[in-house]
Amino acid sequence: MTMLISINQNLYDAANREAKKVGRTTAEQIQFWAKLGRAAIQNPDLPASFIANCLDALAEQAGDAIPYSIKK
């Protein structure tokens, strides 16, 4: 579902710059930040960078992941 929202131009510009760095659309970057903020509030003892890495890992497609194996 698509919804129109109004956001501050500075926030949009910052999201646009960050999105280009990480390969997301501006909308995807804003959604990522919203998820990150919600998760950080729900888990105040976890570093934001850890939460961000977890969110990225959850979003990664299984086909893009490299299987981990221990050589014996």
Protein backbone atom coordinates (compact mmCIF):
# COMPACT_ATOMS: atom_id res chain seq x y z
CA MET A 1 0.00 0.00 0.00
CA THR A 2 1.27 3.48 -0.82
CA MET A 3 0.56 6.44 1.43
CA LEU A 4 1.46 10.07 0.99
CA ILE A 5 3.09 11.74 3.96
CA SER A 6 4.65 15.12 4.55
CA ILE A 7 8.23 15.21 5.84
CA ASN A 8 10.79 17.92 6.41
CA GLN A 9 12.90 18.71 3.33
CA ASN A 10 16.13 18.29 5.32
CA LEU A 11 15.10 14.77 6.35
CA TYR A 12 14.20 13.92 2.75
CA ASP A 13 17.54 15.24 1.49
CA ALA A 14 19.48 13.31 4.14
CA ALA A 15 17.56 10.12 3.32
CA ASN A 16 18.19 10.65 -0.37
CA ARG A 17 21.96 11.03 0.17
CA GLU A 18 22.15 7.98 2.44
CA ALA A 19 19.97 5.92 0.10
CA LYS A 20 22.40 6.51 -2.76
CA LYS A 21 25.30 5.33 -0.60
CA VAL A 22 23.64 2.06 0.42
CA GLY A 23 21.66 1.21 -2.71
CA ARG A 24 18.15 1.95 -1.50
CA THR A 25 15.47 4.25 -2.78
CA THR A 26 14.72 7.32 -0.70
CA ALA A 27 11.45 5.75 0.43
CA GLU A 28 13.23 2.53 1.42
CA GLN A 29 15.78 4.53 3.41
CA ILE A 30 13.08 6.40 5.31
CA GLN A 31 11.32 3.09 6.02
CA PHE A 32 14.63 1.61 7.23
CA TRP A 33 15.18 4.55 9.58
CA ALA A 34 11.63 4.20 10.90
CA LYS A 35 12.14 0.48 11.58
CA LEU A 36 15.52 1.20 13.17
CA GLY A 37 14.04 3.86 15.43
CA ARG A 38 11.18 1.63 16.52
CA ALA A 39 13.54 -1.28 17.22
CA ALA A 40 15.92 1.00 19.16
CA ILE A 41 13.08 2.23 21.36
CA GLN A 42 11.95 -1.34 21.99
CA ASN A 43 15.54 -2.47 22.73
CA PRO A 44 17.26 0.42 24.52
CA ASP A 45 20.19 -1.72 25.69
CA LEU A 46 21.28 -2.62 22.14
CA PRO A 47 23.55 -0.35 20.08
CA ALA A 48 21.81 1.20 17.07
CA SER A 49 24.55 -0.16 14.78
CA PHE A 50 23.79 -3.71 15.95
CA ILE A 51 20.08 -3.22 15.30
CA ALA A 52 20.81 -1.76 11.86
CA ASN A 53 22.98 -4.75 10.96
CA CYS A 54 20.26 -7.13 12.12
CA LEU A 55 17.63 -5.33 10.03
CA ASP A 56 19.92 -5.49 6.98
CA ALA A 57 20.52 -9.20 7.56
CA LEU A 58 16.80 -9.89 7.86
CA ALA A 59 16.17 -8.04 4.60
CA GLU A 60 18.91 -9.89 2.70
CA GLN A 61 17.56 -12.39 0.23
CA ALA A 62 18.49 -15.99 1.03
CA GLY A 63 19.93 -16.45 -2.46
CA ASP A 64 22.39 -13.61 -1.85
CA ALA A 65 23.66 -15.05 1.41
CA ILE A 66 26.89 -17.02 1.62
CA PRO A 67 26.41 -20.23 3.61
CA TYR A 68 28.64 -20.56 6.66
CA SER A 69 30.40 -23.84 7.16
CA ILE A 70 33.17 -25.04 9.43
CA LYS A 71 35.94 -27.02 7.75
CA LYS A 72 37.02 -30.04 9.74
